[in-house]
């Protein structure tokens, strides 16, 4: 019993145990996923900055669905881009929207 207690005292903490899953150590897998998310975020920011530099057509009615999405980005309303895109909201459609329509589209 004394030997078992002595051995138990030498058991490393869980943070030192490395479990392998599919040949990749789990702590390393979490780091890889975090890095991938960071890279995707950086790419999205760079793409948004590139699109924002592109000038908008002077006539709003000539805006494309992409232009409307870029406009939403400039207003910090990127969370609505998907809904506007799925509804095919271009400049002409945008000019026809009423507050009730916005509520219906955006929820």
PDB file of N, CA and C in Angstrom:
ATOM      1  N   UNK A   1       0.819  -1.185   0.000  1.00  0.00           N
ATOM      2  CA  UNK A   1       0.000   0.000   0.000  1.00  0.00           C
ATOM      3  C   UNK A   1       0.868   1.256   0.000  1.00  0.00           C
ATOM      4  N   UNK A   2       1.967   1.196   0.739  1.00  0.00           N
ATOM      5  CA  UNK A   2       2.863   2.347   0.797  1.00  0.00           C
ATOM      6  C   UNK A   2       3.482   2.605  -0.562  1.00  0.00           C
ATOM      7  N   UNK A   3       3.819   1.540  -1.272  1.00  0.00           N
ATOM      8  CA  UNK A   3       4.414   1.697  -2.604  1.00  0.00           C
ATOM      9  C   UNK A   3       3.395   2.287  -3.573  1.00  0.00           C
ATOM     10  N   UNK A   4       2.141   1.857  -3.457  1.00  0.00           N
ATOM     11  CA  UNK A   4       1.095   2.381  -4.324  1.00  0.00           C
ATOM     12  C   UNK A   4       0.864   3.860  -4.059  1.00  0.00           C
ATOM     13  N   UNK A   5       0.884   4.262  -2.784  1.00  0.00           N
ATOM     14  CA  UNK A   5       0.712   5.671  -2.429  1.00  0.00           C
ATOM     15  C   UNK A   5       1.867   6.499  -2.951  1.00  0.00           C
ATOM     16  N   UNK A   6       3.057   5.969  -2.868  1.00  0.00           N
ATOM     17  CA  UNK A   6       4.236   6.690  -3.364  1.00  0.00           C
ATOM     18  C   UNK A   6       4.157   6.840  -4.884  1.00  0.00           C
ATOM     19  N   UNK A   7       3.721   5.769  -5.541  1.00  0.00           N
ATOM     20  CA  UNK A   7       3.600   5.835  -6.996  1.00  0.00           C
ATOM     21  C   UNK A   7       2.497   6.818  -7.397  1.00  0.00           C
ATOM     22  N   UNK A   8       1.392   6.824  -6.640  1.00  0.00           N
ATOM     23  CA  UNK A   8       0.289   7.742  -6.932  1.00  0.00           C
ATOM     24  C   UNK A   8       0.733   9.185  -6.788  1.00  0.00           C
ATOM     25  N   UNK A   9       1.627   9.455  -5.871  1.00  0.00           N
ATOM     26  CA  UNK A   9       2.123  10.817  -5.669  1.00  0.00           C
ATOM     27  C   UNK A   9       2.928  11.295  -6.875  1.00  0.00           C
ATOM     28  N   UNK A  10       3.457  10.376  -7.657  1.00  0.00           N
ATOM     29  CA  UNK A  10       4.266  10.735  -8.821  1.00  0.00           C
ATOM     30  C   UNK A  10       3.465  10.797 -10.116  1.00  0.00           C
ATOM     31  N   UNK A  11       2.125  10.622 -10.038  1.00  0.00           N
ATOM     32  CA  UNK A  11       1.291  10.676 -11.249  1.00  0.00           C
ATOM     33  C   UNK A  11       1.245  12.119 -11.744  1.00  0.00           C
ATOM     34  N   UNK A  12       1.582  12.310 -13.003  1.00  0.00           N
ATOM     35  CA  UNK A  12       1.543  13.685 -13.525  1.00  0.00           C
ATOM     36  C   UNK A  12       0.116  14.202 -13.594  1.00  0.00           C
ATOM     37  N   UNK A  13      -0.031  15.528 -13.549  1.00  0.00           N
ATOM     38  CA  UNK A  13      -1.347  16.138 -13.660  1.00  0.00           C
ATOM     39  C   UNK A  13      -1.910  15.922 -15.054  1.00  0.00           C
ATOM     40  N   UNK A  14      -3.161  16.115 -15.217  1.00  0.00           N
ATOM     41  CA  UNK A  14      -3.804  15.902 -16.506  1.00  0.00           C
ATOM     42  C   UNK A  14      -3.218  16.779 -17.604  1.00  0.00           C
ATOM     43  N   UNK A  15      -2.704  17.930 -17.226  1.00  0.00           N
ATOM     44  CA  UNK A  15      -2.146  18.816 -18.243  1.00  0.00           C
ATOM     45  C   UNK A  15      -0.891  18.239 -18.881  1.00  0.00           C
ATOM     46  N   UNK A  16      -0.277  17.260 -18.221  1.00  0.00           N
ATOM     47  CA  UNK A  16       0.935  16.660 -18.764  1.00  0.00           C
ATOM     48  C   UNK A  16       0.650  15.401 -19.567  1.00  0.00           C
ATOM     49  N   UNK A  17      -0.580  14.891 -19.487  1.00  0.00           N
ATOM     50  CA  UNK A  17      -0.939  13.683 -20.224  1.00  0.00           C
ATOM     51  C   UNK A  17      -1.293  14.087 -21.641  1.00  0.00           C
ATOM     52  N   UNK A  18      -0.684  13.411 -22.587  1.00  0.00           N
ATOM     53  CA  UNK A  18      -0.942  13.710 -23.996  1.00  0.00           C
ATOM     54  C   UNK A  18      -1.673  12.530 -24.604  1.00  0.00           C
ATOM     55  N   UNK A  19      -2.897  12.775 -25.001  1.00  0.00           N
ATOM     56  CA  UNK A  19      -3.713  11.754 -25.633  1.00  0.00           C
ATOM     57  C   UNK A  19      -3.593  11.919 -27.130  1.00  0.00           C
ATOM     58  N   UNK A  20      -3.416  10.817 -27.809  1.00  0.00           N
ATOM     59  CA  UNK A  20      -3.300  10.884 -29.266  1.00  0.00           C
ATOM     60  C   UNK A  20      -4.605  10.463 -29.906  1.00  0.00           C
ATOM     61  N   UNK A  21      -5.004  11.214 -30.928  1.00  0.00           N
ATOM     62  CA  UNK A  21      -6.204  10.909 -31.680  1.00  0.00           C
ATOM     63  C   UNK A  21      -5.869  11.116 -33.141  1.00  0.00           C
ATOM     64  N   UNK A  22      -5.861  10.040 -33.872  1.00  0.00           N
ATOM     65  CA  UNK A  22      -5.529  10.138 -35.294  1.00  0.00           C
ATOM     66  C   UNK A  22      -4.092  10.570 -35.519  1.00  0.00           C
ATOM     67  N   UNK A  23      -3.215  10.250 -34.610  1.00  0.00           N
ATOM     68  CA  UNK A  23      -1.806  10.580 -34.765  1.00  0.00           C
ATOM     69  C   UNK A  23      -1.454  12.009 -34.401  1.00  0.00           C
ATOM     70  N   UNK A  24      -2.428  12.815 -34.015  1.00  0.00           N
ATOM     71  CA  UNK A  24      -2.168  14.205 -33.640  1.00  0.00           C
ATOM     72  C   UNK A  24      -2.501  14.366 -32.167  1.00  0.00           C
ATOM     73  N   UNK A  25      -1.602  14.971 -31.444  1.00  0.00           N
ATOM     74  CA  UNK A  25      -1.855  15.185 -30.032  1.00  0.00           C
ATOM     75  C   UNK A  25      -2.953  16.221 -29.873  1.00  0.00           C
ATOM     76  N   UNK A  26      -3.881  15.972 -28.976  1.00  0.00           N
ATOM     77  CA  UNK A  26      -5.041  16.844 -28.817  1.00  0.00           C
ATOM     78  C   UNK A  26      -4.685  18.296 -28.539  1.00  0.00           C
ATOM     79  N   UNK A  27      -3.747  18.567 -27.638  1.00  0.00           N
ATOM     80  CA  UNK A  27      -3.422  19.992 -27.439  1.00  0.00           C
ATOM     81  C   UNK A  27      -2.935  20.656 -28.730  1.00  0.00           C
ATOM     82  N   UNK A  28      -2.179  19.929 -29.533  1.00  0.00           N
ATOM     83  CA  UNK A  28      -1.696  20.472 -30.795  1.00  0.00           C
ATOM     84  C   UNK A  28      -2.847  20.704 -31.770  1.00  0.00           C
ATOM     85  N   UNK A  29      -3.825  19.814 -31.757  1.00  0.00           N
ATOM     86  CA  UNK A  29      -5.004  19.940 -32.629  1.00  0.00           C
ATOM     87  C   UNK A  29      -5.753  21.237 -32.322  1.00  0.00           C
ATOM     88  N   UNK A  30      -5.905  21.554 -31.040  1.00  0.00           N
ATOM     89  CA  UNK A  30      -6.596  22.780 -30.639  1.00  0.00           C
ATOM     90  C   UNK A  30      -5.830  24.009 -31.119  1.00  0.00           C
ATOM     91  N   UNK A  31      -4.515  23.946 -31.031  1.00  0.00           N
ATOM     92  CA  UNK A  31      -3.686  25.073 -31.484  1.00  0.00           C
ATOM     93  C   UNK A  31      -3.823  25.249 -32.996  1.00  0.00           C
ATOM     94  N   UNK A  32      -3.818  24.147 -33.719  1.00  0.00           N
ATOM     95  CA  UNK A  32      -3.954  24.210 -35.177  1.00  0.00           C
ATOM     96  C   UNK A  32      -5.295  24.819 -35.556  1.00  0.00           C
ATOM     97  N   UNK A  33      -6.360  24.383 -34.902  1.00  0.00           N
ATOM     98  CA  UNK A  33      -7.689  24.933 -35.196  1.00  0.00           C
ATOM     99  C   UNK A  33      -7.736  26.424 -34.906  1.00  0.00           C
ATOM    100  N   UNK A  34      -7.146  26.851 -33.807  1.00  0.00           N
ATOM    101  CA  UNK A  34      -7.135  28.273 -33.453  1.00  0.00           C
ATOM    102  C   UNK A  34      -6.368  29.078 -34.500  1.00  0.00           C
ATOM    103  N   UNK A  35      -5.242  28.556 -34.937  1.00  0.00           N
ATOM    104  CA  UNK A  35      -4.451  29.249 -35.967  1.00  0.00           C
ATOM    105  C   UNK A  35      -5.231  29.347 -37.271  1.00  0.00           C
ATOM    106  N   UNK A  36      -5.936  28.269 -37.640  1.00  0.00           N
ATOM    107  CA  UNK A  36      -6.736  28.294 -38.863  1.00  0.00           C
ATOM    108  C   UNK A  36      -7.828  29.351 -38.779  1.00  0.00           C
ATOM    109  N   UNK A  37      -8.470  29.469 -37.623  1.00  0.00           N
ATOM    110  CA  UNK A  37      -9.499  30.495 -37.439  1.00  0.00           C
ATOM    111  C   UNK A  37      -8.901  31.885 -37.572  1.00  0.00           C
ATOM    112  N   UNK A  38      -7.723  32.090 -36.990  1.00  0.00           N
ATOM    113  CA  UNK A  38      -7.060  33.392 -37.068  1.00  0.00           C
ATOM    114  C   UNK A  38      -6.700  33.729 -38.514  1.00  0.00           C
ATOM    115  N   UNK A  39      -6.212  32.753 -39.252  1.00  0.00           N
ATOM    116  CA  UNK A  39      -5.849  32.971 -40.655  1.00  0.00           C
ATOM    117  C   UNK A  39      -7.088  33.316 -41.471  1.00  0.00           C
ATOM    118  N   UNK A  40      -8.201  32.599 -41.243  1.00  0.00           N
ATOM    119  CA  UNK A  40      -9.443  32.896 -41.950  1.00  0.00           C
ATOM    120  C   UNK A  40      -9.934  34.296 -41.630  1.00  0.00           C
ATOM    121  N   UNK A  41      -9.811  34.692 -40.387  1.00  0.00           N
ATOM    122  CA  UNK A  41     -10.248  36.026 -39.977  1.00  0.00           C
ATOM    123  C   UNK A  41      -9.406  37.097 -40.674  1.00  0.00           C
ATOM    124  N   UNK A  42      -8.107  36.893 -40.721  1.00  0.00           N
ATOM    125  CA  UNK A  42      -7.209  37.844 -41.384  1.00  0.00           C
ATOM    126  C   UNK A  42      -7.539  37.938 -42.869  1.00  0.00           C
ATOM    127  N   UNK A  43      -7.792  36.786 -43.511  1.00  0.00           N
ATOM    128  CA  UNK A  43      -8.135  36.787 -44.932  1.00  0.00           C
ATOM    129  C   UNK A  43      -9.451  37.519 -45.176  1.00  0.00           C
ATOM    130  N   UNK A  44     -10.420  37.314 -44.297  1.00  0.00           N
ATOM    131  CA  UNK A  44     -11.715  37.989 -44.442  1.00  0.00           C
ATOM    132  C   UNK A  44     -11.551  39.499 -44.304  1.00  0.00           C
ATOM    133  N   UNK A  45     -10.725  39.924 -43.363  1.00  0.00           N
ATOM    134  CA  UNK A  45     -10.474  41.360 -43.162  1.00  0.00           C
ATOM    135  C   UNK A  45      -9.786  41.948 -44.393  1.00  0.00           C
ATOM    136  N   UNK A  46      -8.786  41.240 -44.904  1.00  0.00           N
ATOM    137  CA  UNK A  46      -8.076  41.729 -46.092  1.00  0.00           C
ATOM    138  C   UNK A  46      -9.009  41.825 -47.297  1.00  0.00           C
ATOM    139  N   UNK A  47      -9.879  40.824 -47.471  1.00  0.00           N
ATOM    140  CA  UNK A  47     -10.833  40.842 -48.579  1.00  0.00           C
ATOM    141  C   UNK A  47     -11.809  41.997 -48.438  1.00  0.00           C
ATOM    142  N   UNK A  48     -12.290  42.220 -47.212  1.00  0.00           N
ATOM    143  CA  UNK A  48     -13.227  43.325 -46.965  1.00  0.00           C
ATOM    144  C   UNK A  48     -12.554  44.661 -47.246  1.00  0.00           C
ATOM    145  N   UNK A  49     -11.302  44.814 -46.828  1.00  0.00           N
ATOM    146  CA  UNK A  49     -10.584  46.063 -47.087  1.00  0.00           C
ATOM    147  C   UNK A  49     -10.396  46.285 -48.579  1.00  0.00           C
ATOM    148  N   UNK A  50     -10.104  45.209 -49.300  1.00  0.00           N
ATOM    149  CA  UNK A  50      -9.934  45.313 -50.754  1.00  0.00           C
ATOM    150  C   UNK A  50     -11.248  45.727 -51.418  1.00  0.00           C
ATOM    151  N   UNK A  51     -12.348  45.121 -50.992  1.00  0.00           N
ATOM    152  CA  UNK A  51     -13.643  45.452 -51.583  1.00  0.00           C
ATOM    153  C   UNK A  51     -14.081  46.871 -51.240  1.00  0.00           C
ATOM    154  N   UNK A  52     -13.731  47.330 -50.040  1.00  0.00           N
ATOM    155  CA  UNK A  52     -14.134  48.678 -49.646  1.00  0.00           C
ATOM    156  C   UNK A  52     -13.411  49.752 -50.449  1.00  0.00           C
ATOM    157  N   UNK A  53     -12.238  49.424 -50.974  1.00  0.00           N
ATOM    158  CA  UNK A  53     -11.492  50.395 -51.771  1.00  0.00           C
ATOM    159  C   UNK A  53     -12.104  50.564 -53.169  1.00  0.00           C
ATOM    160  N   UNK A  54     -12.861  49.559 -53.595  1.00  0.00           N
ATOM    161  CA  UNK A  54     -13.511  49.620 -54.905  1.00  0.00           C
ATOM    162  C   UNK A  54     -14.627  50.660 -54.829  1.00  0.00           C
ATOM    163  N   UNK A  55     -14.661  51.618 -55.750  1.00  0.00           N
ATOM    164  CA  UNK A  55     -15.691  52.659 -55.678  1.00  0.00           C
ATOM    165  C   UNK A  55     -17.093  52.119 -55.954  1.00  0.00           C
ATOM    166  N   UNK A  56     -18.057  52.726 -55.303  1.00  0.00           N
ATOM    167  CA  UNK A  56     -19.465  52.386 -55.534  1.00  0.00           C
ATOM    168  C   UNK A  56     -19.962  53.153 -56.751  1.00  0.00           C
ATOM    169  N   UNK A  57     -20.865  52.552 -57.524  1.00  0.00           N
ATOM    170  CA  UNK A  57     -21.493  53.316 -58.611  1.00  0.00           C
ATOM    171  C   UNK A  57     -22.223  54.532 -58.017  1.00  0.00           C
ATOM    172  N   UNK A  58     -22.183  55.644 -58.698  1.00  0.00           N
ATOM    173  CA  UNK A  58     -22.833  56.865 -58.199  1.00  0.00           C
ATOM    174  C   UNK A  58     -24.334  56.704 -58.039  1.00  0.00           C
ATOM    175  N   UNK A  59     -24.957  55.974 -58.952  1.00  0.00           N
ATOM    176  CA  UNK A  59     -26.397  55.754 -58.893  1.00  0.00           C
ATOM    177  C   UNK A  59     -26.660  54.485 -58.078  1.00  0.00           C
ATOM    178  N   UNK A  60     -27.275  54.643 -56.910  1.00  0.00           N
ATOM    179  CA  UNK A  60     -27.529  53.507 -56.019  1.00  0.00           C
ATOM    180  C   UNK A  60     -28.330  52.428 -56.733  1.00  0.00           C
ATOM    181  N   UNK A  61     -29.218  52.823 -57.611  1.00  0.00           N
ATOM    182  CA  UNK A  61     -30.041  51.833 -58.308  1.00  0.00           C
ATOM    183  C   UNK A  61     -29.210  50.900 -59.203  1.00  0.00           C
ATOM    184  N   UNK A  62     -27.982  51.269 -59.481  1.00  0.00           N
ATOM    185  CA  UNK A  62     -27.098  50.430 -60.298  1.00  0.00           C
ATOM    186  C   UNK A  62     -26.195  49.531 -59.454  1.00  0.00           C
ATOM    187  N   UNK A  63     -26.349  49.597 -58.136  1.00  0.00           N
ATOM    188  CA  UNK A  63     -25.531  48.751 -57.270  1.00  0.00           C
ATOM    189  C   UNK A  63     -25.877  47.283 -57.478  1.00  0.00           C
ATOM    190  N   UNK A  64     -24.851  46.450 -57.442  1.00  0.00           N
ATOM    191  CA  UNK A  64     -25.048  44.999 -57.507  1.00  0.00           C
ATOM    192  C   UNK A  64     -25.307  44.475 -56.086  1.00  0.00           C
ATOM    193  N   UNK A  65     -25.635  43.209 -55.992  1.00  0.00           N
ATOM    194  CA  UNK A  65     -25.810  42.581 -54.670  1.00  0.00           C
ATOM    195  C   UNK A  65     -24.489  42.684 -53.889  1.00  0.00           C
ATOM    196  N   UNK A  66     -23.362  42.532 -54.602  1.00  0.00           N
ATOM    197  CA  UNK A  66     -22.052  42.662 -53.953  1.00  0.00           C
ATOM    198  C   UNK A  66     -21.846  44.083 -53.419  1.00  0.00           C
ATOM    199  N   UNK A  67     -22.252  45.079 -54.186  1.00  0.00           N
ATOM    200  CA  UNK A  67     -22.126  46.470 -53.740  1.00  0.00           C
ATOM    201  C   UNK A  67     -22.945  46.707 -52.469  1.00  0.00           C
ATOM    202  N   UNK A  68     -24.140  46.154 -52.423  1.00  0.00           N
ATOM    203  CA  UNK A  68     -24.978  46.309 -51.224  1.00  0.00           C
ATOM    204  C   UNK A  68     -24.276  45.660 -50.030  1.00  0.00           C
ATOM    205  N   UNK A  69     -23.676  44.493 -50.255  1.00  0.00           N
ATOM    206  CA  UNK A  69     -22.922  43.830 -49.182  1.00  0.00           C
ATOM    207  C   UNK A  69     -21.747  44.670 -48.708  1.00  0.00           C
ATOM    208  N   UNK A  70     -21.036  45.285 -49.640  1.00  0.00           N
ATOM    209  CA  UNK A  70     -19.914  46.157 -49.269  1.00  0.00           C
ATOM    210  C   UNK A  70     -20.417  47.366 -48.486  1.00  0.00           C
ATOM    211  N   UNK A  71     -21.549  47.901 -48.909  1.00  0.00           N
ATOM    212  CA  UNK A  71     -22.160  49.037 -48.210  1.00  0.00           C
ATOM    213  C   UNK A  71     -22.494  48.647 -46.774  1.00  0.00           C
ATOM    214  N   UNK A  72     -23.057  47.452 -46.591  1.00  0.00           N
ATOM    215  CA  UNK A  72     -23.355  46.975 -45.233  1.00  0.00           C
ATOM    216  C   UNK A  72     -22.076  46.882 -44.408  1.00  0.00           C
ATOM    217  N   UNK A  73     -20.981  46.453 -45.052  1.00  0.00           N
ATOM    218  CA  UNK A  73     -19.687  46.404 -44.348  1.00  0.00           C
ATOM    219  C   UNK A  73     -19.280  47.788 -43.857  1.00  0.00           C
ATOM    220  N   UNK A  74     -19.475  48.799 -44.698  1.00  0.00           N
ATOM    221  CA  UNK A  74     -19.068  50.152 -44.305  1.00  0.00           C
ATOM    222  C   UNK A  74     -19.884  50.665 -43.124  1.00  0.00           C
ATOM    223  N   UNK A  75     -21.090  50.123 -42.969  1.00  0.00           N
ATOM    224  CA  UNK A  75     -21.965  50.518 -41.859  1.00  0.00           C
ATOM    225  C   UNK A  75     -21.793  49.611 -40.637  1.00  0.00           C
ATOM    226  N   UNK A  76     -20.811  48.704 -40.709  1.00  0.00           N
ATOM    227  CA  UNK A  76     -20.583  47.705 -39.649  1.00  0.00           C
ATOM    228  C   UNK A  76     -21.821  46.836 -39.440  1.00  0.00           C
ATOM    229  N   UNK A  77     -22.475  46.497 -40.535  1.00  0.00           N
ATOM    230  CA  UNK A  77     -23.665  45.644 -40.504  1.00  0.00           C
ATOM    231  C   UNK A  77     -23.436  44.352 -41.296  1.00  0.00           C
ATOM    232  N   UNK A  78     -22.218  43.854 -41.249  1.00  0.00           N
ATOM    233  CA  UNK A  78     -21.848  42.665 -42.023  1.00  0.00           C
ATOM    234  C   UNK A  78     -22.700  41.455 -41.689  1.00  0.00           C
ATOM    235  N   UNK A  79     -23.240  41.419 -40.485  1.00  0.00           N
ATOM    236  CA  UNK A  79     -24.050  40.264 -40.086  1.00  0.00           C
ATOM    237  C   UNK A  79     -25.307  40.126 -40.946  1.00  0.00           C
ATOM    238  N   UNK A  80     -25.688  41.178 -41.682  1.00  0.00           N
ATOM    239  CA  UNK A  80     -26.883  41.140 -42.525  1.00  0.00           C
ATOM    240  C   UNK A  80     -26.588  40.827 -43.993  1.00  0.00           C
ATOM    241  N   UNK A  81     -25.309  40.719 -44.334  1.00  0.00           N
ATOM    242  CA  UNK A  81     -24.939  40.478 -45.729  1.00  0.00           C
ATOM    243  C   UNK A  81     -25.564  39.203 -46.280  1.00  0.00           C
ATOM    244  N   UNK A  82     -25.553  38.146 -45.504  1.00  0.00           N
ATOM    245  CA  UNK A  82     -26.088  36.872 -45.979  1.00  0.00           C
ATOM    246  C   UNK A  82     -27.582  37.003 -46.286  1.00  0.00           C
ATOM    247  N   UNK A  83     -28.329  37.631 -45.379  1.00  0.00           N
ATOM    248  CA  UNK A  83     -29.774  37.791 -45.590  1.00  0.00           C
ATOM    249  C   UNK A  83     -30.043  38.633 -46.834  1.00  0.00           C
ATOM    250  N   UNK A  84     -29.295  39.716 -47.008  1.00  0.00           N
ATOM    251  CA  UNK A  84     -29.491  40.572 -48.182  1.00  0.00           C
ATOM    252  C   UNK A  84     -29.114  39.816 -49.456  1.00  0.00           C
ATOM    253  N   UNK A  85     -28.031  39.064 -49.401  1.00  0.00           N
ATOM    254  CA  UNK A  85     -27.587  38.306 -50.563  1.00  0.00           C
ATOM    255  C   UNK A  85     -28.604  37.226 -50.934  1.00  0.00           C
ATOM    256  N   UNK A  86     -29.090  36.500 -49.924  1.00  0.00           N
ATOM    257  CA  UNK A  86     -30.081  35.450 -50.183  1.00  0.00           C
ATOM    258  C   UNK A  86     -31.375  36.029 -50.751  1.00  0.00           C
ATOM    259  N   UNK A  87     -31.688  37.264 -50.371  1.00  0.00           N
ATOM    260  CA  UNK A  87     -32.888  37.929 -50.889  1.00  0.00           C
ATOM    261  C   UNK A  87     -32.601  38.665 -52.198  1.00  0.00           C
ATOM    262  N   UNK A  88     -31.362  38.561 -52.696  1.00  0.00           N
ATOM    263  CA  UNK A  88     -30.936  39.210 -53.943  1.00  0.00           C
ATOM    264  C   UNK A  88     -31.193  40.711 -53.920  1.00  0.00           C
ATOM    265  N   UNK A  89     -30.839  41.336 -52.802  1.00  0.00           N
ATOM    266  CA  UNK A  89     -31.040  42.783 -52.665  1.00  0.00           C
ATOM    267  C   UNK A  89     -29.916  43.506 -53.404  1.00  0.00           C
ATOM    268  N   UNK A  90     -30.271  44.113 -54.517  1.00  0.00           N
ATOM    269  CA  UNK A  90     -29.329  44.965 -55.245  1.00  0.00           C
ATOM    270  C   UNK A  90     -29.750  46.418 -55.000  1.00  0.00           C
ATOM    271  N   UNK A  91     -29.134  47.354 -55.681  1.00  0.00           N
ATOM    272  CA  UNK A  91     -29.425  48.760 -55.447  1.00  0.00           C
ATOM    273  C   UNK A  91     -30.864  49.138 -55.739  1.00  0.00           C
ATOM    274  N   UNK A  92     -31.397  48.633 -56.825  1.00  0.00           N
ATOM    275  CA  UNK A  92     -32.777  48.941 -57.188  1.00  0.00           C
ATOM    276  C   UNK A  92     -33.741  48.408 -56.123  1.00  0.00           C
ATOM    277  N   UNK A  93     -33.520  47.182 -55.694  1.00  0.00           N
ATOM    278  CA  UNK A  93     -34.349  46.559 -54.668  1.00  0.00           C
ATOM    279  C   UNK A  93     -34.189  47.317 -53.343  1.00  0.00           C
ATOM    280  N   UNK A  94     -32.957  47.709 -53.034  1.00  0.00           N
ATOM    281  CA  UNK A  94     -32.675  48.431 -51.790  1.00  0.00           C
ATOM    282  C   UNK A  94     -33.482  49.725 -51.702  1.00  0.00           C
ATOM    283  N   UNK A  95     -33.572  50.434 -52.817  1.00  0.00           N
ATOM    284  CA  UNK A  95     -34.298  51.702 -52.833  1.00  0.00           C
ATOM    285  C   UNK A  95     -35.805  51.520 -52.648  1.00  0.00           C
ATOM    286  N   UNK A  96     -36.295  50.327 -52.931  1.00  0.00           N
ATOM    287  CA  UNK A  96     -37.724  50.055 -52.797  1.00  0.00           C
ATOM    288  C   UNK A  96     -38.104  49.519 -51.413  1.00  0.00           C
ATOM    289  N   UNK A  97     -37.115  49.142 -50.611  1.00  0.00           N
ATOM    290  CA  UNK A  97     -37.405  48.546 -49.300  1.00  0.00           C
ATOM    291  C   UNK A  97     -38.008  49.562 -48.337  1.00  0.00           C
ATOM    292  N   UNK A  98     -38.992  49.102 -47.614  1.00  0.00           N
ATOM    293  CA  UNK A  98     -39.628  49.914 -46.566  1.00  0.00           C
ATOM    294  C   UNK A  98     -39.197  49.357 -45.215  1.00  0.00           C
ATOM    295  N   UNK A  99     -39.399  50.090 -44.133  1.00  0.00           N
ATOM    296  CA  UNK A  99     -39.029  49.574 -42.808  1.00  0.00           C
ATOM    297  C   UNK A  99     -39.657  48.200 -42.514  1.00  0.00           C
ATOM    298  N   UNK A 100     -40.887  47.984 -42.952  1.00  0.00           N
ATOM    299  CA  UNK A 100     -41.544  46.692 -42.726  1.00  0.00           C
ATOM    300  C   UNK A 100     -40.810  45.582 -43.466  1.00  0.00           C
ATOM    301  N   UNK A 101     -40.361  45.905 -44.693  1.00  0.00           N
ATOM    302  CA  UNK A 101     -39.624  44.917 -45.480  1.00  0.00           C
ATOM    303  C   UNK A 101     -38.314  44.543 -44.796  1.00  0.00           C
ATOM    304  N   UNK A 102     -37.633  45.546 -44.283  1.00  0.00           N
ATOM    305  CA  UNK A 102     -36.369  45.316 -43.588  1.00  0.00           C
ATOM    306  C   UNK A 102     -36.587  44.383 -42.394  1.00  0.00           C
ATOM    307  N   UNK A 103     -37.647  44.629 -41.662  1.00  0.00           N
ATOM    308  CA  UNK A 103     -37.958  43.800 -40.501  1.00  0.00           C
ATOM    309  C   UNK A 103     -38.205  42.364 -40.949  1.00  0.00           C
ATOM    310  N   UNK A 104     -38.932  42.195 -42.043  1.00  0.00           N
ATOM    311  CA  UNK A 104     -39.231  40.850 -42.550  1.00  0.00           C
ATOM    312  C   UNK A 104     -37.982  40.147 -43.056  1.00  0.00           C
ATOM    313  N   UNK A 105     -37.110  40.878 -43.736  1.00  0.00           N
ATOM    314  CA  UNK A 105     -35.891  40.292 -44.278  1.00  0.00           C
ATOM    315  C   UNK A 105     -34.898  39.961 -43.160  1.00  0.00           C
ATOM    316  N   UNK A 106     -34.736  40.891 -42.240  1.00  0.00           N
ATOM    317  CA  UNK A 106     -33.693  40.734 -41.222  1.00  0.00           C
ATOM    318  C   UNK A 106     -34.166  40.077 -39.948  1.00  0.00           C
ATOM    319  N   UNK A 107     -35.447  40.001 -39.782  1.00  0.00           N
ATOM    320  CA  UNK A 107     -35.986  39.354 -38.580  1.00  0.00           C
ATOM    321  C   UNK A 107     -36.038  40.237 -37.375  1.00  0.00           C
TER     322      UNK A 107
END
